[in-house]
């Protein structure tokens, strides 16, 4: 039996009611197929290894997302195992067990999905085999579940008003020149998608172009498989430590971190 057939069999066992083959909503096996496509599309070839992303964020219309979310982590773990097996079958290397997240996003059409990938060696996924039946495990499950609805954060559109903010991201060139953004969140997504924290109108930017994560040294920039790539100080990068004064180029836009 092929891995895809095996996953479809498992999915049918879990979701016999909500996901019949005649249903009009998105099927679990369709998500599995799309994840494999994204894995293959974003593979990176090194001297001795072929690396594939280990983080997959799937954005679905809320009507497709709701029935899946009710099943907790079970479906996500099965997806992770399936993707890992497909990668091993092709002799690909993951930085860690695949992490699958499902998010509700009504800018995505029904029965469609948008997948964002990343390489992140800090992600640790637990394929728990045993059933947790204690309240402690139930609480831990509630804390760690990665099914979550995406809520857009409202940031100031003009200027910085808080005296407590130490750094801002300023767009110094491009369609959004002059726009200021406070760097006060742990993770900041930048791109054209409406769910990004910093939304660009630059048509050469991808929907979810890059992520910036706070760290002790500064900010860690991760290009999220963008079409046109990301440049830092004139050099194309996939992951780079960013410090105040560095210039980040996304399409026609140039952004810089400044202290306030």
Protein backbone atom coordinates (compact mmCIF):
# COMPACT_ATOMS: atom_id res chain seq x y z
CA UNK A 1 0.00 0.00 0.00
CA UNK A 2 1.38 3.44 -0.94
CA UNK A 3 1.98 6.04 1.75
CA UNK A 4 -0.74 8.27 0.32
CA UNK A 5 -3.21 5.38 0.30
CA UNK A 6 -2.25 4.60 3.88
CA UNK A 7 -2.78 8.21 4.93
CA UNK A 8 -6.16 8.30 3.17
CA UNK A 9 -7.15 5.14 5.02
CA UNK A 10 -6.15 6.67 8.37
CA UNK A 11 -7.90 9.94 7.52
CA UNK A 12 -11.11 8.10 6.68
CA UNK A 13 -11.00 6.33 10.04
CA UNK A 14 -10.61 9.62 11.89
CA UNK A 15 -13.02 11.70 9.85
CA UNK A 16 -15.70 9.34 8.51
CA UNK A 17 -18.53 11.70 9.46
CA UNK A 18 -17.22 15.18 8.66
CA UNK A 19 -15.18 14.19 5.59
CA UNK A 20 -17.02 11.90 3.25
CA UNK A 21 -15.64 11.64 -0.28
CA UNK A 22 -18.80 13.25 -1.60
CA UNK A 23 -18.42 16.27 0.72
CA UNK A 24 -17.96 19.70 -0.77
CA UNK A 25 -15.40 20.87 1.80
CA UNK A 26 -11.66 20.32 1.58
CA UNK A 27 -10.57 16.72 2.18
CA UNK A 28 -7.73 15.77 4.56
CA UNK A 29 -5.91 13.82 1.84
CA UNK A 30 -5.87 16.97 -0.32
CA UNK A 31 -3.94 18.76 2.41
CA UNK A 32 -1.46 15.86 2.56
CA UNK A 33 -0.90 16.01 -1.20
CA UNK A 34 -0.37 19.78 -1.13
CA UNK A 35 2.16 19.50 1.72
CA UNK A 36 4.20 17.02 -0.32
CA UNK A 37 4.13 19.41 -3.30
CA UNK A 38 5.37 22.28 -1.11
CA UNK A 39 8.08 20.06 0.37
CA UNK A 40 9.35 19.21 -3.12
CA UNK A 41 9.06 22.79 -4.35
CA UNK A 42 11.19 24.22 -1.53
CA UNK A 43 13.92 21.58 -1.31
CA UNK A 44 17.46 22.94 -0.93
CA UNK A 45 20.42 20.98 -2.32
CA UNK A 46 23.72 21.07 -0.44
CA UNK A 47 26.96 19.24 -1.20
CA UNK A 48 25.87 15.97 0.39
CA UNK A 49 22.23 16.44 1.47
CA UNK A 50 18.90 17.55 0.09
CA UNK A 51 17.12 19.57 2.78
CA UNK A 52 13.37 20.11 2.89
CA UNK A 53 11.32 22.43 5.14
CA UNK A 54 10.25 21.15 8.54
CA UNK A 55 7.64 23.84 9.27
CA UNK A 56 4.38 24.00 7.28
CA UNK A 57 1.68 26.57 8.01
CA UNK A 58 -1.55 25.84 6.15
CA UNK A 59 -4.11 28.64 5.77
CA UNK A 60 -7.70 27.58 5.06
CA UNK A 61 -11.06 29.25 4.80
CA UNK A 62 -12.76 29.13 8.22
CA UNK A 63 -15.46 26.77 6.91
CA UNK A 64 -12.75 24.27 5.94
CA UNK A 65 -10.75 24.92 9.10
CA UNK A 66 -13.48 24.47 11.75
CA UNK A 67 -14.19 20.73 11.26
CA UNK A 68 -10.46 19.95 11.20
CA UNK A 69 -9.74 21.98 14.33
CA UNK A 70 -12.18 19.93 16.38
CA UNK A 71 -9.91 16.87 16.11
CA UNK A 72 -7.03 18.43 18.04
CA UNK A 73 -3.47 17.30 17.33
CA UNK A 74 -4.35 13.81 16.03
CA UNK A 75 -4.69 14.93 12.43
CA UNK A 76 -1.57 17.11 12.63
CA UNK A 77 0.55 14.24 13.94
CA UNK A 78 -0.67 11.94 11.16
CA UNK A 79 0.16 14.62 8.60
CA UNK A 80 3.60 15.07 10.16
CA UNK A 81 4.32 11.34 10.07
CA UNK A 82 3.11 11.04 6.49
CA UNK A 83 5.25 13.97 5.31
CA UNK A 84 8.29 12.61 7.17
CA UNK A 85 7.87 9.20 5.52
CA UNK A 86 7.56 10.79 2.10
CA UNK A 87 10.73 12.78 2.73
CA UNK A 88 12.66 9.71 3.91
CA UNK A 89 11.43 7.73 0.91
CA UNK A 90 13.14 10.35 -1.29
CA UNK A 91 16.25 10.46 0.97
CA UNK A 92 15.56 14.07 1.98
CA UNK A 93 16.79 15.57 5.24
CA UNK A 94 14.58 17.47 7.72
CA UNK A 95 15.97 19.79 10.41
CA UNK A 96 13.41 18.17 12.71
CA UNK A 97 10.14 16.27 12.58
CA UNK A 98 7.70 18.20 10.36
CA UNK A 99 5.58 20.71 12.24
CA UNK A 100 2.12 21.23 10.72
CA UNK A 101 -0.09 24.16 11.67
CA UNK A 102 -3.60 24.91 10.44
CA UNK A 103 -4.89 28.48 10.51
CA UNK A 104 -8.23 30.04 9.58
CA UNK A 105 -7.96 32.77 6.98
CA UNK A 106 -11.03 33.97 5.08
CA UNK A 107 -8.90 35.63 2.41
CA UNK A 108 -8.36 32.05 1.17
CA UNK A 109 -11.14 30.63 -1.02
CA UNK A 110 -13.22 27.63 0.04
CA UNK A 111 -11.59 24.29 -0.84
CA UNK A 112 -8.28 26.05 -1.45
CA UNK A 113 -5.26 26.52 0.77
CA UNK A 114 -2.16 28.66 1.11
CA UNK A 115 0.95 26.99 2.52
CA UNK A 116 3.87 28.81 4.11
CA UNK A 117 7.08 26.85 4.80
CA UNK A 118 10.23 27.41 6.83
CA UNK A 119 13.45 25.73 7.91
CA UNK A 120 13.67 25.90 11.71
CA UNK A 121 15.93 23.59 13.74
CA UNK A 122 14.46 24.89 17.02
CA UNK A 123 11.08 23.20 16.43
CA UNK A 124 10.61 19.97 18.39
CA UNK A 125 7.54 17.88 17.54
CA UNK A 126 6.39 15.10 19.88
CA UNK A 127 4.79 12.09 18.17
CA UNK A 128 3.08 10.83 21.27
CA UNK A 129 1.99 7.24 20.85
CA UNK A 130 0.24 6.79 24.18
CA UNK A 131 -3.16 8.26 25.02
CA UNK A 132 -2.98 10.92 27.73
CA UNK A 133 -5.73 10.35 30.28
CA UNK A 134 -4.63 12.57 33.14
CA UNK A 135 -5.79 16.11 33.72
CA UNK A 136 -2.17 17.24 33.63
CA UNK A 137 -1.74 15.88 30.12
CA UNK A 138 -5.04 17.38 29.05
CA UNK A 139 -3.89 20.80 30.26
CA UNK A 140 -0.58 20.39 28.50
CA UNK A 141 -2.42 19.47 25.32
CA UNK A 142 -4.53 22.62 25.59
CA UNK A 143 -1.39 24.70 25.97
CA UNK A 144 0.57 23.15 23.15
CA UNK A 145 -2.07 22.53 20.48
CA UNK A 146 -1.06 24.25 17.28
CA UNK A 147 -4.55 24.47 15.82
CA UNK A 148 -5.21 28.18 16.15
CA UNK A 149 -7.23 30.88 14.52
CA UNK A 150 -5.18 33.74 13.20
CA UNK A 151 -6.03 37.12 14.67
CA UNK A 152 -4.52 40.11 12.97
CA UNK A 153 -2.71 42.46 15.33
CA UNK A 154 -3.46 46.14 14.91
CA UNK A 155 -0.28 48.18 14.83
CA UNK A 156 -0.06 51.96 14.49
CA UNK A 157 -0.11 53.02 10.86
CA UNK A 158 1.47 56.40 11.35
CA UNK A 159 4.47 56.97 13.54
CA UNK A 160 5.37 55.51 16.91
CA UNK A 161 3.47 56.72 19.95
CA UNK A 162 4.91 54.63 22.78
CA UNK A 163 7.99 55.98 24.54
CA UNK A 164 8.82 52.44 25.69
CA UNK A 165 9.57 51.16 22.17
CA UNK A 166 13.27 51.08 21.44
CA UNK A 167 13.37 50.00 17.80
CA UNK A 168 11.32 50.49 14.68
CA UNK A 169 11.41 49.14 11.16
CA UNK A 170 11.28 51.97 8.63
CA UNK A 171 10.57 51.59 4.92
CA UNK A 172 13.10 53.93 3.34
CA UNK A 173 12.45 53.04 -0.30
CA UNK A 174 9.57 51.58 -2.30
CA UNK A 175 5.78 51.97 -2.62
CA UNK A 176 5.33 52.22 1.17
CA UNK A 177 8.21 54.65 1.79
CA UNK A 178 7.96 56.43 5.13
CA UNK A 179 5.95 53.70 6.83
CA UNK A 180 7.12 52.95 10.39
CA UNK A 181 6.57 49.72 12.28
CA UNK A 182 7.35 48.94 15.95
CA UNK A 183 9.57 45.92 16.58
CA UNK A 184 7.91 44.96 19.86
CA UNK A 185 6.61 41.48 18.96
CA UNK A 186 8.56 38.23 19.20
CA UNK A 187 7.66 37.21 15.64
CA UNK A 188 6.82 39.56 12.78
CA UNK A 189 5.64 38.40 9.37
CA UNK A 190 6.17 40.73 6.41
CA UNK A 191 4.52 40.46 3.00
CA UNK A 192 1.48 41.36 0.89
CA UNK A 193 -0.95 39.07 2.73
CA UNK A 194 -3.49 40.89 4.89
CA UNK A 195 -2.68 38.62 7.84
CA UNK A 196 0.96 39.74 7.96
CA UNK A 197 1.89 42.09 10.79
CA UNK A 198 3.64 44.42 8.33
CA UNK A 199 1.65 44.51 5.08
CA UNK A 200 3.44 45.73 1.95
CA UNK A 201 1.83 46.96 -1.26
CA UNK A 202 4.98 46.12 -3.22
CA UNK A 203 3.84 43.76 -6.00
CA UNK A 204 7.28 42.13 -6.09
CA UNK A 205 6.89 40.98 -2.48
CA UNK A 206 5.42 37.54 -1.80
CA UNK A 207 2.20 37.12 0.17
CA UNK A 208 4.23 35.98 3.18
CA UNK A 209 7.73 37.01 2.28
CA UNK A 210 9.77 36.76 5.47
CA UNK A 211 9.65 36.39 9.23
CA UNK A 212 11.68 38.35 11.79
CA UNK A 213 12.20 36.79 15.22
CA UNK A 214 13.65 38.60 18.23
CA UNK A 215 16.81 37.08 19.72
CA UNK A 216 19.46 38.21 22.17
CA UNK A 217 21.76 39.48 19.44
CA UNK A 218 19.11 41.27 17.39
CA UNK A 219 16.56 39.81 14.96
CA UNK A 220 16.76 36.56 13.03
CA UNK A 221 15.40 36.97 9.50
CA UNK A 222 13.98 33.94 7.67
CA UNK A 223 12.98 34.13 4.03
CA UNK A 224 9.78 32.05 3.71
CA UNK A 225 10.45 30.66 0.26
CA UNK A 226 9.65 33.98 -1.43
CA UNK A 227 9.51 34.18 -5.21
CA UNK A 228 11.97 37.07 -5.63
CA UNK A 229 14.13 36.42 -2.57
CA UNK A 230 15.38 38.68 0.22
CA UNK A 231 18.53 40.81 0.18
CA UNK A 232 20.44 42.06 3.22
CA UNK A 233 23.03 44.73 2.53
CA UNK A 234 23.07 43.70 -1.13
CA UNK A 235 23.48 39.95 -0.51
CA UNK A 236 20.72 37.40 -1.07
CA UNK A 237 19.97 35.45 2.14
CA UNK A 238 17.65 32.72 3.37
CA UNK A 239 18.45 33.18 7.08
CA UNK A 240 20.40 36.08 8.52
CA UNK A 241 20.98 37.89 11.81
CA UNK A 242 19.79 41.49 11.42
CA UNK A 243 21.14 44.43 13.41
CA UNK A 244 20.25 48.13 13.49
CA UNK A 245 21.59 49.80 10.35
CA UNK A 246 21.25 46.72 8.13
CA UNK A 247 19.21 47.22 4.96
CA UNK A 248 16.63 44.60 4.03
CA UNK A 249 15.43 44.56 0.42
CA UNK A 250 12.11 42.97 -0.51
CA UNK A 251 11.24 43.54 -4.16
CA UNK A 252 11.35 47.31 -4.70
CA UNK A 253 11.22 48.01 -0.97
CA UNK A 254 14.15 48.67 1.34
CA UNK A 255 13.63 48.47 5.12
CA UNK A 256 15.97 49.45 7.93
CA UNK A 257 15.96 48.96 11.71
CA UNK A 258 16.36 52.18 13.65
CA UNK A 259 16.53 53.02 17.33
CA UNK A 260 14.03 55.56 18.66
